[in-house]
């Protein structure tokens, strides 16, 4: 599937990667790098309100832009295991949660962040929204994410 997507042979892909797991981990790391850029831009904002807005917009934008591939990446058991054991991922999630919820370290803040990320990533790949154009999907996701967090629309 990857070879077809980028227009090369399977042999060319396996020349760079020896196993499917190496390919999956490389894809996961690429997605983490995209998310890290969004978090970094949010952390650079002067106000917490602006940081949250930038982060929500960035997460939604990233999810919508990657909605065709996000389902494959998030449903692969190798990636799920990779994320669970990856220190960089754990740190990135901590930073993301801190932008969204401040210093709130209660279980509710953890669950709220997880639910928001799961809702956004699940919604973009759901068959019910597959015929929505990207702009409409982005607008609706951002509005609902803000509402979920109790932020002004």
C-alpha atoms as a PDB file:
ATOM      1  CA  UNK A   1       0.000   0.000   0.000  1.00  0.00           C
ATOM      2  CA  UNK A   2       2.829   2.395   0.868  1.00  0.00           C
ATOM      3  CA  UNK A   3       4.710   1.503  -2.309  1.00  0.00           C
ATOM      4  CA  UNK A   4       1.597   2.142  -4.401  1.00  0.00           C
ATOM      5  CA  UNK A   5       0.933   5.450  -2.625  1.00  0.00           C
ATOM      6  CA  UNK A   6       4.401   6.852  -3.279  1.00  0.00           C
ATOM      7  CA  UNK A   7       4.775   5.280  -6.714  1.00  0.00           C
ATOM      8  CA  UNK A   8       7.618   2.834  -6.115  1.00  0.00           C
ATOM      9  CA  UNK A   9       7.974  -0.929  -6.005  1.00  0.00           C
ATOM     10  CA  UNK A  10       7.631  -3.014  -2.866  1.00  0.00           C
ATOM     11  CA  UNK A  11      11.278  -3.947  -3.297  1.00  0.00           C
ATOM     12  CA  UNK A  12      12.254  -0.269  -3.083  1.00  0.00           C
ATOM     13  CA  UNK A  13      10.344   0.086   0.196  1.00  0.00           C
ATOM     14  CA  UNK A  14      11.897  -3.059   1.646  1.00  0.00           C
ATOM     15  CA  UNK A  15      15.316  -1.834   0.575  1.00  0.00           C
ATOM     16  CA  UNK A  16      14.877   1.003   3.094  1.00  0.00           C
ATOM     17  CA  UNK A  17      12.980  -1.008   5.727  1.00  0.00           C
ATOM     18  CA  UNK A  18      13.554  -4.656   6.566  1.00  0.00           C
ATOM     19  CA  UNK A  19      10.191  -5.347   8.207  1.00  0.00           C
ATOM     20  CA  UNK A  20       6.626  -4.094   8.294  1.00  0.00           C
ATOM     21  CA  UNK A  21       7.227  -3.026  11.900  1.00  0.00           C
ATOM     22  CA  UNK A  22      10.079  -0.718  10.824  1.00  0.00           C
ATOM     23  CA  UNK A  23       7.772   0.876   8.244  1.00  0.00           C
ATOM     24  CA  UNK A  24       5.012   1.343  10.797  1.00  0.00           C
ATOM     25  CA  UNK A  25       7.371   2.871  13.362  1.00  0.00           C
ATOM     26  CA  UNK A  26       8.765   5.262  10.724  1.00  0.00           C
ATOM     27  CA  UNK A  27       5.210   6.329   9.857  1.00  0.00           C
ATOM     28  CA  UNK A  28       4.393   6.791  13.553  1.00  0.00           C
ATOM     29  CA  UNK A  29       7.509   8.892  14.093  1.00  0.00           C
ATOM     30  CA  UNK A  30       6.593  11.085  11.119  1.00  0.00           C
ATOM     31  CA  UNK A  31       3.128  11.684  12.580  1.00  0.00           C
ATOM     32  CA  UNK A  32       4.643  12.432  15.991  1.00  0.00           C
ATOM     33  CA  UNK A  33       6.933  15.014  14.403  1.00  0.00           C
ATOM     34  CA  UNK A  34       3.917  16.754  12.839  1.00  0.00           C
ATOM     35  CA  UNK A  35       2.099  16.808  16.158  1.00  0.00           C
ATOM     36  CA  UNK A  36       5.233  18.022  17.960  1.00  0.00           C
ATOM     37  CA  UNK A  37       5.373  21.025  15.611  1.00  0.00           C
ATOM     38  CA  UNK A  38       1.785  21.903  16.499  1.00  0.00           C
ATOM     39  CA  UNK A  39       2.519  21.622  20.236  1.00  0.00           C
ATOM     40  CA  UNK A  40       5.693  23.705  19.922  1.00  0.00           C
ATOM     41  CA  UNK A  41       3.876  26.523  18.119  1.00  0.00           C
ATOM     42  CA  UNK A  42       1.167  26.477  20.798  1.00  0.00           C
ATOM     43  CA  UNK A  43       3.746  26.565  23.610  1.00  0.00           C
ATOM     44  CA  UNK A  44       5.314  29.684  22.064  1.00  0.00           C
ATOM     45  CA  UNK A  45       2.116  31.722  22.470  1.00  0.00           C
ATOM     46  CA  UNK A  46       2.055  34.474  25.085  1.00  0.00           C
ATOM     47  CA  UNK A  47      -1.325  33.704  26.581  1.00  0.00           C
ATOM     48  CA  UNK A  48      -2.792  30.400  27.683  1.00  0.00           C
ATOM     49  CA  UNK A  49      -6.013  31.183  25.812  1.00  0.00           C
ATOM     50  CA  UNK A  50      -4.122  31.779  22.567  1.00  0.00           C
ATOM     51  CA  UNK A  51      -1.987  28.656  23.155  1.00  0.00           C
ATOM     52  CA  UNK A  52      -5.095  26.493  23.544  1.00  0.00           C
ATOM     53  CA  UNK A  53      -6.674  27.987  20.444  1.00  0.00           C
ATOM     54  CA  UNK A  54      -3.524  27.435  18.386  1.00  0.00           C
ATOM     55  CA  UNK A  55      -3.222  23.870  19.681  1.00  0.00           C
ATOM     56  CA  UNK A  56      -6.865  22.981  18.979  1.00  0.00           C
ATOM     57  CA  UNK A  57      -6.696  24.516  15.513  1.00  0.00           C
ATOM     58  CA  UNK A  58      -3.454  22.678  14.803  1.00  0.00           C
ATOM     59  CA  UNK A  59      -4.723  19.314  16.014  1.00  0.00           C
ATOM     60  CA  UNK A  60      -7.901  19.628  13.973  1.00  0.00           C
ATOM     61  CA  UNK A  61      -6.006  20.824  10.903  1.00  0.00           C
ATOM     62  CA  UNK A  62      -3.540  17.949  11.187  1.00  0.00           C
ATOM     63  CA  UNK A  63      -6.325  15.399  11.617  1.00  0.00           C
ATOM     64  CA  UNK A  64      -8.299  16.711   8.643  1.00  0.00           C
ATOM     65  CA  UNK A  65      -5.203  16.934   6.438  1.00  0.00           C
ATOM     66  CA  UNK A  66      -4.234  13.365   7.337  1.00  0.00           C
ATOM     67  CA  UNK A  67      -7.727  11.872   7.509  1.00  0.00           C
ATOM     68  CA  UNK A  68      -7.146   9.481   4.628  1.00  0.00           C
ATOM     69  CA  UNK A  69      -4.173   7.845   6.382  1.00  0.00           C
ATOM     70  CA  UNK A  70      -4.917   8.380  10.079  1.00  0.00           C
ATOM     71  CA  UNK A  71      -7.199   5.342  10.304  1.00  0.00           C
ATOM     72  CA  UNK A  72      -4.523   3.007   9.034  1.00  0.00           C
ATOM     73  CA  UNK A  73      -1.900   4.436  11.341  1.00  0.00           C
ATOM     74  CA  UNK A  74      -4.028   4.528  14.512  1.00  0.00           C
ATOM     75  CA  UNK A  75      -5.483   1.043  14.044  1.00  0.00           C
ATOM     76  CA  UNK A  76      -2.168  -0.773  13.643  1.00  0.00           C
ATOM     77  CA  UNK A  77      -1.266  -2.770  16.794  1.00  0.00           C
ATOM     78  CA  UNK A  78       2.447  -2.114  16.239  1.00  0.00           C
ATOM     79  CA  UNK A  79       1.806   1.636  16.452  1.00  0.00           C
ATOM     80  CA  UNK A  80      -0.376   1.278  19.539  1.00  0.00           C
ATOM     81  CA  UNK A  81       2.473  -0.600  21.245  1.00  0.00           C
ATOM     82  CA  UNK A  82       5.006   1.904  19.960  1.00  0.00           C
ATOM     83  CA  UNK A  83       3.076   4.815  21.450  1.00  0.00           C
ATOM     84  CA  UNK A  84       2.539   3.061  24.778  1.00  0.00           C
ATOM     85  CA  UNK A  85       6.269   2.477  25.290  1.00  0.00           C
ATOM     86  CA  UNK A  86       7.699   5.575  23.641  1.00  0.00           C
ATOM     87  CA  UNK A  87       9.074   8.175  26.099  1.00  0.00           C
ATOM     88  CA  UNK A  88       8.976  10.964  23.516  1.00  0.00           C
ATOM     89  CA  UNK A  89       5.287  10.272  22.845  1.00  0.00           C
ATOM     90  CA  UNK A  90       4.530  10.298  26.570  1.00  0.00           C
ATOM     91  CA  UNK A  91       6.332  13.628  26.980  1.00  0.00           C
ATOM     92  CA  UNK A  92       4.555  15.092  23.975  1.00  0.00           C
ATOM     93  CA  UNK A  93       1.173  14.048  25.382  1.00  0.00           C
ATOM     94  CA  UNK A  94       2.096  15.628  28.738  1.00  0.00           C
ATOM     95  CA  UNK A  95       2.990  18.897  26.996  1.00  0.00           C
ATOM     96  CA  UNK A  96      -0.188  18.791  24.919  1.00  0.00           C
ATOM     97  CA  UNK A  97      -2.312  18.187  28.019  1.00  0.00           C
ATOM     98  CA  UNK A  98      -0.534  21.016  29.848  1.00  0.00           C
ATOM     99  CA  UNK A  99      -1.420  23.455  27.044  1.00  0.00           C
ATOM    100  CA  UNK A 100      -5.050  22.319  27.113  1.00  0.00           C
ATOM    101  CA  UNK A 101      -5.605  22.018  30.852  1.00  0.00           C
ATOM    102  CA  UNK A 102      -2.800  23.972  32.507  1.00  0.00           C
ATOM    103  CA  UNK A 103      -1.258  22.400  35.561  1.00  0.00           C
ATOM    104  CA  UNK A 104      -4.352  20.311  36.224  1.00  0.00           C
ATOM    105  CA  UNK A 105      -2.955  16.827  36.849  1.00  0.00           C
ATOM    106  CA  UNK A 106      -6.203  15.272  38.019  1.00  0.00           C
ATOM    107  CA  UNK A 107      -7.399  12.105  36.296  1.00  0.00           C
ATOM    108  CA  UNK A 108     -10.205  14.156  34.708  1.00  0.00           C
ATOM    109  CA  UNK A 109      -7.646  16.288  32.822  1.00  0.00           C
ATOM    110  CA  UNK A 110      -5.954  13.149  31.499  1.00  0.00           C
ATOM    111  CA  UNK A 111      -9.252  11.588  30.420  1.00  0.00           C
ATOM    112  CA  UNK A 112     -10.538  14.864  28.933  1.00  0.00           C
ATOM    113  CA  UNK A 113      -7.397  15.173  26.795  1.00  0.00           C
ATOM    114  CA  UNK A 114      -7.576  11.532  25.692  1.00  0.00           C
ATOM    115  CA  UNK A 115     -11.253  11.864  24.831  1.00  0.00           C
ATOM    116  CA  UNK A 116     -10.661  15.005  22.804  1.00  0.00           C
ATOM    117  CA  UNK A 117      -7.847  13.409  20.794  1.00  0.00           C
ATOM    118  CA  UNK A 118      -9.820  10.190  20.298  1.00  0.00           C
ATOM    119  CA  UNK A 119     -12.914  12.114  19.236  1.00  0.00           C
ATOM    120  CA  UNK A 120     -11.065  14.216  16.684  1.00  0.00           C
ATOM    121  CA  UNK A 121      -9.044  11.336  15.247  1.00  0.00           C
ATOM    122  CA  UNK A 122     -12.065   9.031  15.217  1.00  0.00           C
ATOM    123  CA  UNK A 123     -14.371  11.588  13.641  1.00  0.00           C
ATOM    124  CA  UNK A 124     -12.099  12.394  10.704  1.00  0.00           C
ATOM    125  CA  UNK A 125     -12.029   8.789   9.545  1.00  0.00           C
ATOM    126  CA  UNK A 126     -15.651   7.908  10.287  1.00  0.00           C
ATOM    127  CA  UNK A 127     -17.776   6.905   7.266  1.00  0.00           C
ATOM    128  CA  UNK A 128     -20.515   9.336   8.301  1.00  0.00           C
ATOM    129  CA  UNK A 129     -18.263  12.320   7.494  1.00  0.00           C
ATOM    130  CA  UNK A 130     -16.438  10.940   4.464  1.00  0.00           C
ATOM    131  CA  UNK A 131     -18.436  13.099   2.045  1.00  0.00           C
ATOM    132  CA  UNK A 132     -17.890  16.322   4.003  1.00  0.00           C
ATOM    133  CA  UNK A 133     -15.374  18.641   2.430  1.00  0.00           C
ATOM    134  CA  UNK A 134     -12.278  19.442   4.491  1.00  0.00           C
ATOM    135  CA  UNK A 135     -13.319  23.023   5.311  1.00  0.00           C
ATOM    136  CA  UNK A 136     -16.711  21.965   6.687  1.00  0.00           C
ATOM    137  CA  UNK A 137     -15.224  19.095   8.667  1.00  0.00           C
ATOM    138  CA  UNK A 138     -12.497  21.341  10.091  1.00  0.00           C
ATOM    139  CA  UNK A 139     -15.021  24.022  11.100  1.00  0.00           C
ATOM    140  CA  UNK A 140     -17.329  21.534  12.810  1.00  0.00           C
ATOM    141  CA  UNK A 141     -14.543  19.698  14.617  1.00  0.00           C
ATOM    142  CA  UNK A 142     -13.040  22.913  15.930  1.00  0.00           C
ATOM    143  CA  UNK A 143     -16.409  24.214  17.117  1.00  0.00           C
ATOM    144  CA  UNK A 144     -17.209  20.950  18.901  1.00  0.00           C
ATOM    145  CA  UNK A 145     -13.701  20.600  20.383  1.00  0.00           C
ATOM    146  CA  UNK A 146     -13.981  24.087  21.885  1.00  0.00           C
ATOM    147  CA  UNK A 147     -17.409  23.229  23.244  1.00  0.00           C
ATOM    148  CA  UNK A 148     -16.103  19.968  24.716  1.00  0.00           C
ATOM    149  CA  UNK A 149     -13.405  21.913  26.576  1.00  0.00           C
ATOM    150  CA  UNK A 150     -15.857  24.593  27.706  1.00  0.00           C
ATOM    151  CA  UNK A 151     -14.196  27.278  25.593  1.00  0.00           C
ATOM    152  CA  UNK A 152     -15.944  30.057  23.681  1.00  0.00           C
ATOM    153  CA  UNK A 153     -16.846  29.193  20.105  1.00  0.00           C
END
